[in-house]
Amino acid sequence: MTGENYTDWSDRLRDVEEMVNVPDLRSQVASIRDRARAMRLGYKRTGQKPDWAVIKTQISAPLAEVRARVDEELLRRESRDALVPLDRDPVPAKFSDLVRRYYEQLGKDN
């Protein structure tokens, strides 16, 4: 965000955005790039370095999620036998304990 390589990084991210043909992923990459651009402009304007915790939650973590989804999509397209999770939605907090216990029970039966 603050270094000389920001432009190269942003250009590569734009290239990724253009290569991805899944609309949802493409829009996520565009959104991440827009947030990064806004942070960079704020840094250039004020000279104050960005909050790295914010960068982690708004840039790094979403990029990791996009990367995982691209990997899943590639696996799905390359192999008919590849196991890829069908449901990507997170478990609602009020059910997380029940889901954990359910999977623990499944594991015990083997």
PDB file of N, CA and C in Angstrom:
ATOM      1  N   MET A   1       0.808  -1.197   0.000  1.00  0.00           N
ATOM      2  CA  MET A   1       0.000   0.000   0.000  1.00  0.00           C
ATOM      3  C   MET A   1       0.857   1.270   0.000  1.00  0.00           C
ATOM      4  N   THR A   2       2.006   1.190   0.599  1.00  0.00           N
ATOM      5  CA  THR A   2       2.817   2.391   0.726  1.00  0.00           C
ATOM      6  C   THR A   2       4.088   2.349  -0.109  1.00  0.00           C
ATOM      7  N   GLY A   3       4.394   1.211  -0.670  1.00  0.00           N
ATOM      8  CA  GLY A   3       5.651   1.050  -1.379  1.00  0.00           C
ATOM      9  C   GLY A   3       5.604   1.433  -2.842  1.00  0.00           C
ATOM     10  N   GLU A   4       6.771   1.382  -3.457  1.00  0.00           N
ATOM     11  CA  GLU A   4       6.897   1.728  -4.874  1.00  0.00           C
ATOM     12  C   GLU A   4       6.277   0.683  -5.793  1.00  0.00           C
ATOM     13  N   ASN A   5       6.098  -0.526  -5.287  1.00  0.00           N
ATOM     14  CA  ASN A   5       5.564  -1.617  -6.110  1.00  0.00           C
ATOM     15  C   ASN A   5       4.045  -1.669  -6.127  1.00  0.00           C
ATOM     16  N   TYR A   6       3.396  -0.698  -5.515  1.00  0.00           N
ATOM     17  CA  TYR A   6       1.932  -0.711  -5.461  1.00  0.00           C
ATOM     18  C   TYR A   6       1.325  -0.737  -6.871  1.00  0.00           C
ATOM     19  N   THR A   7       1.843   0.064  -7.769  1.00  0.00           N
ATOM     20  CA  THR A   7       1.279   0.134  -9.120  1.00  0.00           C
ATOM     21  C   THR A   7       1.377  -1.216  -9.819  1.00  0.00           C
ATOM     22  N   ASP A   8       2.505  -1.886  -9.686  1.00  0.00           N
ATOM     23  CA  ASP A   8       2.660  -3.219 -10.289  1.00  0.00           C
ATOM     24  C   ASP A   8       1.664  -4.202  -9.679  1.00  0.00           C
ATOM     25  N   TRP A   9       1.520  -4.145  -8.360  1.00  0.00           N
ATOM     26  CA  TRP A   9       0.587  -5.026  -7.664  1.00  0.00           C
ATOM     27  C   TRP A   9      -0.841  -4.763  -8.140  1.00  0.00           C
ATOM     28  N   SER A  10      -1.210  -3.505  -8.219  1.00  0.00           N
ATOM     29  CA  SER A  10      -2.552  -3.135  -8.658  1.00  0.00           C
ATOM     30  C   SER A  10      -2.793  -3.568 -10.111  1.00  0.00           C
ATOM     31  N   ASP A  11      -1.790  -3.415 -10.953  1.00  0.00           N
ATOM     32  CA  ASP A  11      -1.920  -3.846 -12.350  1.00  0.00           C
ATOM     33  C   ASP A  11      -2.119  -5.359 -12.442  1.00  0.00           C
ATOM     34  N   ARG A  12      -1.368  -6.112 -11.636  1.00  0.00           N
ATOM     35  CA  ARG A  12      -1.519  -7.570 -11.645  1.00  0.00           C
ATOM     36  C   ARG A  12      -2.901  -7.975 -11.140  1.00  0.00           C
ATOM     37  N   LEU A  13      -3.385  -7.254 -10.133  1.00  0.00           N
ATOM     38  CA  LEU A  13      -4.718  -7.545  -9.623  1.00  0.00           C
ATOM     39  C   LEU A  13      -5.786  -7.237 -10.677  1.00  0.00           C
ATOM     40  N   ARG A  14      -5.585  -6.173 -11.446  1.00  0.00           N
ATOM     41  CA  ARG A  14      -6.508  -5.860 -12.542  1.00  0.00           C
ATOM     42  C   ARG A  14      -6.455  -6.964 -13.599  1.00  0.00           C
ATOM     43  N   ASP A  15      -5.264  -7.487 -13.870  1.00  0.00           N
ATOM     44  CA  ASP A  15      -5.146  -8.596 -14.818  1.00  0.00           C
ATOM     45  C   ASP A  15      -5.932  -9.817 -14.338  1.00  0.00           C
ATOM     46  N   VAL A  16      -5.836 -10.102 -13.039  1.00  0.00           N
ATOM     47  CA  VAL A  16      -6.599 -11.218 -12.474  1.00  0.00           C
ATOM     48  C   VAL A  16      -8.089 -10.959 -12.658  1.00  0.00           C
ATOM     49  N   GLU A  17      -8.506  -9.753 -12.365  1.00  0.00           N
ATOM     50  CA  GLU A  17      -9.917  -9.383 -12.517  1.00  0.00           C
ATOM     51  C   GLU A  17     -10.391  -9.631 -13.944  1.00  0.00           C
ATOM     52  N   GLU A  18      -9.567  -9.290 -14.922  1.00  0.00           N
ATOM     53  CA  GLU A  18      -9.950  -9.468 -16.317  1.00  0.00           C
ATOM     54  C   GLU A  18      -9.953 -10.928 -16.741  1.00  0.00           C
ATOM     55  N   MET A  19      -9.101 -11.758 -16.124  1.00  0.00           N
ATOM     56  CA  MET A  19      -9.016 -13.168 -16.495  1.00  0.00           C
ATOM     57  C   MET A  19     -10.132 -14.015 -15.903  1.00  0.00           C
ATOM     58  N   VAL A  20     -10.619 -13.638 -14.741  1.00  0.00           N
ATOM     59  CA  VAL A  20     -11.644 -14.433 -14.064  1.00  0.00           C
ATOM     60  C   VAL A  20     -12.960 -14.259 -14.799  1.00  0.00           C
ATOM     61  N   ASN A  21     -13.578 -15.390 -15.141  1.00  0.00           N
ATOM     62  CA  ASN A  21     -14.833 -15.304 -15.880  1.00  0.00           C
ATOM     63  C   ASN A  21     -16.052 -15.657 -15.036  1.00  0.00           C
ATOM     64  N   VAL A  22     -15.858 -15.774 -13.735  1.00  0.00           N
ATOM     65  CA  VAL A  22     -16.970 -15.989 -12.808  1.00  0.00           C
ATOM     66  C   VAL A  22     -17.368 -14.608 -12.286  1.00  0.00           C
ATOM     67  N   PRO A  23     -18.575 -14.137 -12.613  1.00  0.00           N
ATOM     68  CA  PRO A  23     -18.955 -12.758 -12.278  1.00  0.00           C
ATOM     69  C   PRO A  23     -18.802 -12.396 -10.799  1.00  0.00           C
ATOM     70  N   ASP A  24     -19.165 -13.293  -9.918  1.00  0.00           N
ATOM     71  CA  ASP A  24     -19.061 -13.018  -8.484  1.00  0.00           C
ATOM     72  C   ASP A  24     -17.603 -12.798  -8.074  1.00  0.00           C
ATOM     73  N   LEU A  25     -16.729 -13.663  -8.547  1.00  0.00           N
ATOM     74  CA  LEU A  25     -15.303 -13.524  -8.224  1.00  0.00           C
ATOM     75  C   LEU A  25     -14.727 -12.254  -8.842  1.00  0.00           C
ATOM     76  N   ARG A  26     -15.120 -11.984 -10.048  1.00  0.00           N
ATOM     77  CA  ARG A  26     -14.638 -10.777 -10.721  1.00  0.00           C
ATOM     78  C   ARG A  26     -15.028  -9.528  -9.934  1.00  0.00           C
ATOM     79  N   SER A  27     -16.262  -9.483  -9.470  1.00  0.00           N
ATOM     80  CA  SER A  27     -16.694  -8.306  -8.709  1.00  0.00           C
ATOM     81  C   SER A  27     -15.992  -8.215  -7.364  1.00  0.00           C
ATOM     82  N   GLN A  28     -15.685  -9.368  -6.753  1.00  0.00           N
ATOM     83  CA  GLN A  28     -14.932  -9.349  -5.497  1.00  0.00           C
ATOM     84  C   GLN A  28     -13.532  -8.788  -5.709  1.00  0.00           C
ATOM     85  N   VAL A  29     -12.876  -9.210  -6.765  1.00  0.00           N
ATOM     86  CA  VAL A  29     -11.532  -8.702  -7.053  1.00  0.00           C
ATOM     87  C   VAL A  29     -11.585  -7.202  -7.336  1.00  0.00           C
ATOM     88  N   ALA A  30     -12.581  -6.766  -8.081  1.00  0.00           N
ATOM     89  CA  ALA A  30     -12.730  -5.338  -8.379  1.00  0.00           C
ATOM     90  C   ALA A  30     -12.945  -4.548  -7.091  1.00  0.00           C
ATOM     91  N   SER A  31     -13.756  -5.083  -6.197  1.00  0.00           N
ATOM     92  CA  SER A  31     -14.029  -4.412  -4.926  1.00  0.00           C
ATOM     93  C   SER A  31     -12.762  -4.312  -4.074  1.00  0.00           C
ATOM     94  N   ILE A  32     -11.991  -5.371  -4.040  1.00  0.00           N
ATOM     95  CA  ILE A  32     -10.736  -5.369  -3.286  1.00  0.00           C
ATOM     96  C   ILE A  32      -9.785  -4.334  -3.870  1.00  0.00           C
ATOM     97  N   ARG A  33      -9.698  -4.308  -5.184  1.00  0.00           N
ATOM     98  CA  ARG A  33      -8.810  -3.339  -5.839  1.00  0.00           C
ATOM     99  C   ARG A  33      -9.258  -1.908  -5.559  1.00  0.00           C
ATOM    100  N   ASP A  34     -10.565  -1.667  -5.561  1.00  0.00           N
ATOM    101  CA  ASP A  34     -11.089  -0.326  -5.251  1.00  0.00           C
ATOM    102  C   ASP A  34     -10.762   0.080  -3.819  1.00  0.00           C
ATOM    103  N   ARG A  35     -10.916  -0.857  -2.879  1.00  0.00           N
ATOM    104  CA  ARG A  35     -10.581  -0.538  -1.490  1.00  0.00           C
ATOM    105  C   ARG A  35      -9.101  -0.237  -1.343  1.00  0.00           C
ATOM    106  N   ALA A  36      -8.269  -1.020  -2.020  1.00  0.00           N
ATOM    107  CA  ALA A  36      -6.829  -0.783  -1.958  1.00  0.00           C
ATOM    108  C   ALA A  36      -6.479   0.577  -2.554  1.00  0.00           C
ATOM    109  N   ARG A  37      -7.109   0.923  -3.650  1.00  0.00           N
ATOM    110  CA  ARG A  37      -6.861   2.218  -4.278  1.00  0.00           C
ATOM    111  C   ARG A  37      -7.251   3.360  -3.335  1.00  0.00           C
ATOM    112  N   ALA A  38      -8.382   3.208  -2.657  1.00  0.00           N
ATOM    113  CA  ALA A  38      -8.830   4.242  -1.713  1.00  0.00           C
ATOM    114  C   ALA A  38      -7.841   4.382  -0.556  1.00  0.00           C
ATOM    115  N   MET A  39      -7.332   3.259  -0.067  1.00  0.00           N
ATOM    116  CA  MET A  39      -6.333   3.317   1.009  1.00  0.00           C
ATOM    117  C   MET A  39      -5.049   3.982   0.530  1.00  0.00           C
ATOM    118  N   ARG A  40      -4.653   3.639  -0.673  1.00  0.00           N
ATOM    119  CA  ARG A  40      -3.438   4.231  -1.242  1.00  0.00           C
ATOM    120  C   ARG A  40      -3.612   5.741  -1.406  1.00  0.00           C
ATOM    121  N   LEU A  41      -4.760   6.173  -1.906  1.00  0.00           N
ATOM    122  CA  LEU A  41      -5.011   7.609  -2.064  1.00  0.00           C
ATOM    123  C   LEU A  41      -5.001   8.321  -0.716  1.00  0.00           C
ATOM    124  N   GLY A  42      -5.582   7.699   0.283  1.00  0.00           N
ATOM    125  CA  GLY A  42      -5.559   8.278   1.621  1.00  0.00           C
ATOM    126  C   GLY A  42      -4.149   8.413   2.147  1.00  0.00           C
ATOM    127  N   TYR A  43      -3.333   7.402   1.895  1.00  0.00           N
ATOM    128  CA  TYR A  43      -1.931   7.460   2.317  1.00  0.00           C
ATOM    129  C   TYR A  43      -1.197   8.574   1.588  1.00  0.00           C
ATOM    130  N   LYS A  44      -1.409   8.674   0.281  1.00  0.00           N
ATOM    131  CA  LYS A  44      -0.732   9.714  -0.511  1.00  0.00           C
ATOM    132  C   LYS A  44      -1.169  11.108  -0.075  1.00  0.00           C
ATOM    133  N   ARG A  45      -2.452  11.248   0.260  1.00  0.00           N
ATOM    134  CA  ARG A  45      -2.999  12.545   0.637  1.00  0.00           C
ATOM    135  C   ARG A  45      -2.512  12.997   2.013  1.00  0.00           C
ATOM    136  N   THR A  46      -2.538  12.085   2.983  1.00  0.00           N
ATOM    137  CA  THR A  46      -2.227  12.463   4.360  1.00  0.00           C
ATOM    138  C   THR A  46      -0.818  12.102   4.791  1.00  0.00           C
ATOM    139  N   GLY A  47      -0.215  11.133   4.112  1.00  0.00           N
ATOM    140  CA  GLY A  47       1.113  10.672   4.507  1.00  0.00           C
ATOM    141  C   GLY A  47       1.078   9.719   5.690  1.00  0.00           C
ATOM    142  N   GLN A  48      -0.114   9.453   6.213  1.00  0.00           N
ATOM    143  CA  GLN A  48      -0.258   8.541   7.342  1.00  0.00           C
ATOM    144  C   GLN A  48      -0.387   7.112   6.826  1.00  0.00           C
ATOM    145  N   LYS A  49       0.437   6.227   7.367  1.00  0.00           N
ATOM    146  CA  LYS A  49       0.400   4.835   6.922  1.00  0.00           C
ATOM    147  C   LYS A  49      -0.930   4.198   7.300  1.00  0.00           C
ATOM    148  N   PRO A  50      -1.430   3.311   6.435  1.00  0.00           N
ATOM    149  CA  PRO A  50      -2.721   2.663   6.707  1.00  0.00           C
ATOM    150  C   PRO A  50      -2.632   1.724   7.904  1.00  0.00           C
ATOM    151  N   ASP A  51      -3.759   1.490   8.510  1.00  0.00           N
ATOM    152  CA  ASP A  51      -3.869   0.551   9.622  1.00  0.00           C
ATOM    153  C   ASP A  51      -3.766  -0.864   9.052  1.00  0.00           C
ATOM    154  N   TRP A  52      -2.754  -1.602   9.477  1.00  0.00           N
ATOM    155  CA  TRP A  52      -2.496  -2.916   8.899  1.00  0.00           C
ATOM    156  C   TRP A  52      -3.588  -3.917   9.262  1.00  0.00           C
ATOM    157  N   ALA A  53      -4.256  -3.716  10.366  1.00  0.00           N
ATOM    158  CA  ALA A  53      -5.375  -4.600  10.712  1.00  0.00           C
ATOM    159  C   ALA A  53      -6.509  -4.421   9.703  1.00  0.00           C
ATOM    160  N   VAL A  54      -6.727  -3.183   9.283  1.00  0.00           N
ATOM    161  CA  VAL A  54      -7.758  -2.909   8.277  1.00  0.00           C
ATOM    162  C   VAL A  54      -7.354  -3.523   6.939  1.00  0.00           C
ATOM    163  N   ILE A  55      -6.096  -3.412   6.593  1.00  0.00           N
ATOM    164  CA  ILE A  55      -5.614  -4.014   5.342  1.00  0.00           C
ATOM    165  C   ILE A  55      -5.820  -5.523   5.383  1.00  0.00           C
ATOM    166  N   LYS A  56      -5.546  -6.114   6.529  1.00  0.00           N
ATOM    167  CA  LYS A  56      -5.716  -7.560   6.641  1.00  0.00           C
ATOM    168  C   LYS A  56      -7.177  -7.964   6.450  1.00  0.00           C
ATOM    169  N   THR A  57      -8.105  -7.233   7.068  1.00  0.00           N
ATOM    170  CA  THR A  57      -9.514  -7.619   6.986  1.00  0.00           C
ATOM    171  C   THR A  57     -10.168  -7.228   5.666  1.00  0.00           C
ATOM    172  N   GLN A  58      -9.720  -6.120   5.062  1.00  0.00           N
ATOM    173  CA  GLN A  58     -10.391  -5.638   3.854  1.00  0.00           C
ATOM    174  C   GLN A  58      -9.669  -5.987   2.555  1.00  0.00           C
ATOM    175  N   ILE A  59      -8.396  -6.350   2.649  1.00  0.00           N
ATOM    176  CA  ILE A  59      -7.629  -6.660   1.433  1.00  0.00           C
ATOM    177  C   ILE A  59      -7.117  -8.106   1.470  1.00  0.00           C
ATOM    178  N   SER A  60      -6.289  -8.423   2.459  1.00  0.00           N
ATOM    179  CA  SER A  60      -5.622  -9.731   2.501  1.00  0.00           C
ATOM    180  C   SER A  60      -6.592 -10.897   2.655  1.00  0.00           C
ATOM    181  N   ALA A  61      -7.476 -10.822   3.640  1.00  0.00           N
ATOM    182  CA  ALA A  61      -8.411 -11.934   3.865  1.00  0.00           C
ATOM    183  C   ALA A  61      -9.349 -12.144   2.670  1.00  0.00           C
ATOM    184  N   PRO A  62      -9.942 -11.070   2.121  1.00  0.00           N
ATOM    185  CA  PRO A  62     -10.780 -11.295   0.929  1.00  0.00           C
ATOM    186  C   PRO A  62      -9.994 -11.845  -0.260  1.00  0.00           C
ATOM    187  N   LEU A  63      -8.742 -11.416  -0.418  1.00  0.00           N
ATOM    188  CA  LEU A  63      -7.923 -11.966  -1.510  1.00  0.00           C
ATOM    189  C   LEU A  63      -7.663 -13.456  -1.303  1.00  0.00           C
ATOM    190  N   ALA A  64      -7.416 -13.852  -0.063  1.00  0.00           N
ATOM    191  CA  ALA A  64      -7.209 -15.271   0.228  1.00  0.00           C
ATOM    192  C   ALA A  64      -8.470 -16.071  -0.074  1.00  0.00           C
ATOM    193  N   GLU A  65      -9.622 -15.497   0.230  1.00  0.00           N
ATOM    194  CA  GLU A  65     -10.893 -16.164  -0.067  1.00  0.00           C
ATOM    195  C   GLU A  65     -11.083 -16.312  -1.577  1.00  0.00           C
ATOM    196  N   VAL A  66     -10.788 -15.268  -2.320  1.00  0.00           N
ATOM    197  CA  VAL A  66     -10.901 -15.329  -3.782  1.00  0.00           C
ATOM    198  C   VAL A  66      -9.943 -16.384  -4.325  1.00  0.00           C
ATOM    199  N   ARG A  67      -8.745 -16.401  -3.798  1.00  0.00           N
ATOM    200  CA  ARG A  67      -7.758 -17.390  -4.260  1.00  0.00           C
ATOM    201  C   ARG A  67      -8.264 -18.806  -4.025  1.00  0.00           C
ATOM    202  N   ALA A  68      -8.832 -19.057  -2.847  1.00  0.00           N
ATOM    203  CA  ALA A  68      -9.362 -20.385  -2.542  1.00  0.00           C
ATOM    204  C   ALA A  68     -10.494 -20.754  -3.494  1.00  0.00           C
ATOM    205  N   ARG A  69     -11.357 -19.800  -3.779  1.00  0.00           N
ATOM    206  CA  ARG A  69     -12.478 -20.075  -4.692  1.00  0.00           C
ATOM    207  C   ARG A  69     -11.996 -20.307  -6.125  1.00  0.00           C
ATOM    208  N   VAL A  70     -10.970 -19.584  -6.541  1.00  0.00           N
ATOM    209  CA  VAL A  70     -10.395 -19.815  -7.871  1.00  0.00           C
ATOM    210  C   VAL A  70      -9.775 -21.207  -7.921  1.00  0.00           C
ATOM    211  N   ASP A  71      -9.064 -21.594  -6.852  1.00  0.00           N
ATOM    212  CA  ASP A  71      -8.496 -22.942  -6.800  1.00  0.00           C
ATOM    213  C   ASP A  71      -9.584 -24.005  -6.906  1.00  0.00           C
ATOM    214  N   GLU A  72     -10.691 -23.805  -6.182  1.00  0.00           N
ATOM    215  CA  GLU A  72     -11.800 -24.754  -6.254  1.00  0.00           C
ATOM    216  C   GLU A  72     -12.370 -24.832  -7.668  1.00  0.00           C
ATOM    217  N   GLU A  73     -12.531 -23.681  -8.279  1.00  0.00           N
ATOM    218  CA  GLU A  73     -13.075 -23.645  -9.636  1.00  0.00           C
ATOM    219  C   GLU A  73     -12.143 -24.359 -10.612  1.00  0.00           C
ATOM    220  N   LEU A  74     -10.847 -24.159 -10.460  1.00  0.00           N
ATOM    221  CA  LEU A  74      -9.885 -24.852 -11.321  1.00  0.00           C
ATOM    222  C   LEU A  74      -9.949 -26.358 -11.109  1.00  0.00           C
ATOM    223  N   LEU A  75     -10.038 -26.781  -9.855  1.00  0.00           N
ATOM    224  CA  LEU A  75     -10.161 -28.216  -9.578  1.00  0.00           C
ATOM    225  C   LEU A  75     -11.420 -28.786 -10.216  1.00  0.00           C
ATOM    226  N   ARG A  76     -12.498 -28.053 -10.094  1.00  0.00           N
ATOM    227  CA  ARG A  76     -13.769 -28.512 -10.656  1.00  0.00           C
ATOM    228  C   ARG A  76     -13.667 -28.659 -12.173  1.00  0.00           C
ATOM    229  N   ARG A  77     -12.997 -27.732 -12.802  1.00  0.00           N
ATOM    230  CA  ARG A  77     -12.905 -27.763 -14.268  1.00  0.00           C
ATOM    231  C   ARG A  77     -11.888 -28.775 -14.775  1.00  0.00           C
ATOM    232  N   GLU A  78     -10.843 -29.038 -13.986  1.00  0.00           N
ATOM    233  CA  GLU A  78      -9.779 -29.925 -14.444  1.00  0.00           C
ATOM    234  C   GLU A  78     -10.068 -31.394 -14.185  1.00  0.00           C
ATOM    235  N   SER A  79     -10.836 -31.699 -13.155  1.00  0.00           N
ATOM    236  CA  SER A  79     -11.045 -33.093 -12.807  1.00  0.00           C
ATOM    237  C   SER A  79     -12.505 -33.347 -12.455  1.00  0.00           C
ATOM    238  N   ARG A  80     -13.049 -34.374 -13.040  1.00  0.00           N
ATOM    239  CA  ARG A  80     -14.431 -34.730 -12.715  1.00  0.00           C
ATOM    240  C   ARG A  80     -14.503 -35.408 -11.346  1.00  0.00           C
ATOM    241  N   ASP A  81     -13.386 -35.968 -10.890  1.00  0.00           N
ATOM    242  CA  ASP A  81     -13.370 -36.704  -9.627  1.00  0.00           C
ATOM    243  C   ASP A  81     -12.933 -35.853  -8.436  1.00  0.00           C
ATOM    244  N   ALA A  82     -12.603 -34.605  -8.664  1.00  0.00           N
ATOM    245  CA  ALA A  82     -12.114 -33.757  -7.574  1.00  0.00           C
ATOM    246  C   ALA A  82     -13.238 -33.465  -6.584  1.00  0.00           C
ATOM    247  N   LEU A  83     -12.882 -33.544  -5.313  1.00  0.00           N
ATOM    248  CA  LEU A  83     -13.847 -33.231  -4.265  1.00  0.00           C
ATOM    249  C   LEU A  83     -13.750 -31.750  -3.940  1.00  0.00           C
ATOM    250  N   VAL A  84     -14.838 -31.054  -4.163  1.00  0.00           N
ATOM    251  CA  VAL A  84     -14.888 -29.624  -3.902  1.00  0.00           C
ATOM    252  C   VAL A  84     -16.143 -29.363  -3.085  1.00  0.00           C
ATOM    253  N   PRO A  85     -16.026 -28.606  -2.007  1.00  0.00           N
ATOM    254  CA  PRO A  85     -17.225 -28.349  -1.204  1.00  0.00           C
ATOM    255  C   PRO A  85     -18.310 -27.651  -2.013  1.00  0.00           C
ATOM    256  N   LEU A  86     -19.529 -28.090  -1.827  1.00  0.00           N
ATOM    257  CA  LEU A  86     -20.637 -27.488  -2.548  1.00  0.00           C
ATOM    258  C   LEU A  86     -21.149 -26.240  -1.850  1.00  0.00           C
ATOM    259  N   ASP A  87     -21.079 -26.216  -0.541  1.00  0.00           N
ATOM    260  CA  ASP A  87     -21.638 -25.118   0.235  1.00  0.00           C
ATOM    261  C   ASP A  87     -20.512 -24.263   0.793  1.00  0.00           C
ATOM    262  N   ARG A  88     -20.473 -23.000   0.401  1.00  0.00           N
ATOM    263  CA  ARG A  88     -19.418 -22.103   0.865  1.00  0.00           C
ATOM    264  C   ARG A  88     -19.926 -21.143   1.932  1.00  0.00           C
ATOM    265  N   ASP A  89     -21.224 -21.199   2.220  1.00  0.00           N
ATOM    266  CA  ASP A  89     -21.771 -20.275   3.195  1.00  0.00           C
ATOM    267  C   ASP A  89     -21.297 -20.655   4.596  1.00  0.00           C
ATOM    268  N   PRO A  90     -20.915 -19.670   5.393  1.00  0.00           N
ATOM    269  CA  PRO A  90     -20.489 -19.986   6.754  1.00  0.00           C
ATOM    270  C   PRO A  90     -21.670 -20.453   7.598  1.00  0.00           C
ATOM    271  N   VAL A  91     -21.360 -21.250   8.585  1.00  0.00           N
ATOM    272  CA  VAL A  91     -22.389 -21.720   9.498  1.00  0.00           C
ATOM    273  C   VAL A  91     -22.783 -20.555  10.400  1.00  0.00           C
ATOM    274  N   PRO A  92     -24.080 -20.291  10.549  1.00  0.00           N
ATOM    275  CA  PRO A  92     -24.495 -19.220  11.465  1.00  0.00           C
ATOM    276  C   PRO A  92     -23.975 -19.504  12.874  1.00  0.00           C
ATOM    277  N   ALA A  93     -23.587 -18.470  13.585  1.00  0.00           N
ATOM    278  CA  ALA A  93     -22.950 -18.603  14.894  1.00  0.00           C
ATOM    279  C   ALA A  93     -23.783 -19.438  15.861  1.00  0.00           C
ATOM    280  N   LYS A  94     -25.097 -19.269  15.826  1.00  0.00           N
ATOM    281  CA  LYS A  94     -25.923 -19.986  16.793  1.00  0.00           C
ATOM    282  C   LYS A  94     -25.966 -21.500  16.534  1.00  0.00           C
ATOM    283  N   PHE A  95     -25.544 -21.943  15.338  1.00  0.00           N
ATOM    284  CA  PHE A  95     -25.533 -23.364  15.015  1.00  0.00           C
ATOM    285  C   PHE A  95     -24.132 -23.964  14.956  1.00  0.00           C
ATOM    286  N   SER A  96     -23.107 -23.166  15.138  1.00  0.00           N
ATOM    287  CA  SER A  96     -21.745 -23.669  14.943  1.00  0.00           C
ATOM    288  C   SER A  96     -21.401 -24.809  15.899  1.00  0.00           C
ATOM    289  N   ASP A  97     -21.849 -24.729  17.151  1.00  0.00           N
ATOM    290  CA  ASP A  97     -21.564 -25.797  18.106  1.00  0.00           C
ATOM    291  C   ASP A  97     -22.263 -27.087  17.697  1.00  0.00           C
ATOM    292  N   LEU A  98     -23.506 -26.974  17.244  1.00  0.00           N
ATOM    293  CA  LEU A  98     -24.236 -28.162  16.793  1.00  0.00           C
ATOM    294  C   LEU A  98     -23.572 -28.805  15.581  1.00  0.00           C
ATOM    295  N   VAL A  99     -23.142 -27.999  14.653  1.00  0.00           N
ATOM    296  CA  VAL A  99     -22.485 -28.518  13.455  1.00  0.00           C
ATOM    297  C   VAL A  99     -21.170 -29.189  13.821  1.00  0.00           C
ATOM    298  N   ARG A 100     -20.398 -28.583  14.715  1.00  0.00           N
ATOM    299  CA  ARG A 100     -19.132 -29.175  15.154  1.00  0.00           C
ATOM    300  C   ARG A 100     -19.378 -30.535  15.790  1.00  0.00           C
ATOM    301  N   ARG A 101     -20.381 -30.611  16.692  1.00  0.00           N
ATOM    302  CA  ARG A 101     -20.677 -31.887  17.348  1.00  0.00           C
ATOM    303  C   ARG A 101     -21.172 -32.928  16.338  1.00  0.00           C
ATOM    304  N   TYR A 102     -21.940 -32.484  15.353  1.00  0.00           N
ATOM    305  CA  TYR A 102     -22.422 -33.389  14.312  1.00  0.00           C
ATOM    306  C   TYR A 102     -21.247 -34.040  13.582  1.00  0.00           C
ATOM    307  N   TYR A 103     -20.286 -33.230  13.171  1.00  0.00           N
ATOM    308  CA  TYR A 103     -19.146 -33.770  12.454  1.00  0.00           C
ATOM    309  C   TYR A 103     -18.241 -34.599  13.347  1.00  0.00           C
ATOM    310  N   GLU A 104     -18.180 -34.267  14.610  1.00  0.00           N
ATOM    311  CA  GLU A 104     -17.430 -35.106  15.543  1.00  0.00           C
ATOM    312  C   GLU A 104     -18.062 -36.482  15.653  1.00  0.00           C
ATOM    313  N   GLN A 105     -19.397 -36.510  15.713  1.00  0.00           N
ATOM    314  CA  GLN A 105     -20.114 -37.788  15.765  1.00  0.00           C
ATOM    315  C   GLN A 105     -19.897 -38.602  14.498  1.00  0.00           C
ATOM    316  N   LEU A 106     -19.913 -37.944  13.366  1.00  0.00           N
ATOM    317  CA  LEU A 106     -19.652 -38.646  12.100  1.00  0.00           C
ATOM    318  C   LEU A 106     -18.270 -39.267  12.105  1.00  0.00           C
ATOM    319  N   GLY A 107     -17.303 -38.546  12.628  1.00  0.00           N
ATOM    320  CA  GLY A 107     -15.929 -39.049  12.670  1.00  0.00           C
ATOM    321  C   GLY A 107     -15.773 -40.217  13.615  1.00  0.00           C
ATOM    322  N   LYS A 108     -16.540 -40.261  14.671  1.00  0.00           N
ATOM    323  CA  LYS A 108     -16.459 -41.359  15.646  1.00  0.00           C
ATOM    324  C   LYS A 108     -17.004 -42.649  15.059  1.00  0.00           C
ATOM    325  N   ASP A 109     -17.991 -42.555  14.193  1.00  0.00           N
ATOM    326  CA  ASP A 109     -18.615 -43.745  13.629  1.00  0.00           C
ATOM    327  C   ASP A 109     -17.692 -44.494  12.681  1.00  0.00           C
ATOM    328  N   ASN A 110     -16.667 -43.848  12.162  1.00  0.00           N
ATOM    329  CA  ASN A 110     -15.753 -44.530  11.247  1.00  0.00           C
ATOM    330  C   ASN A 110     -14.862 -45.382  12.056  1.00  0.00           C
TER     331      ASN A 110
END
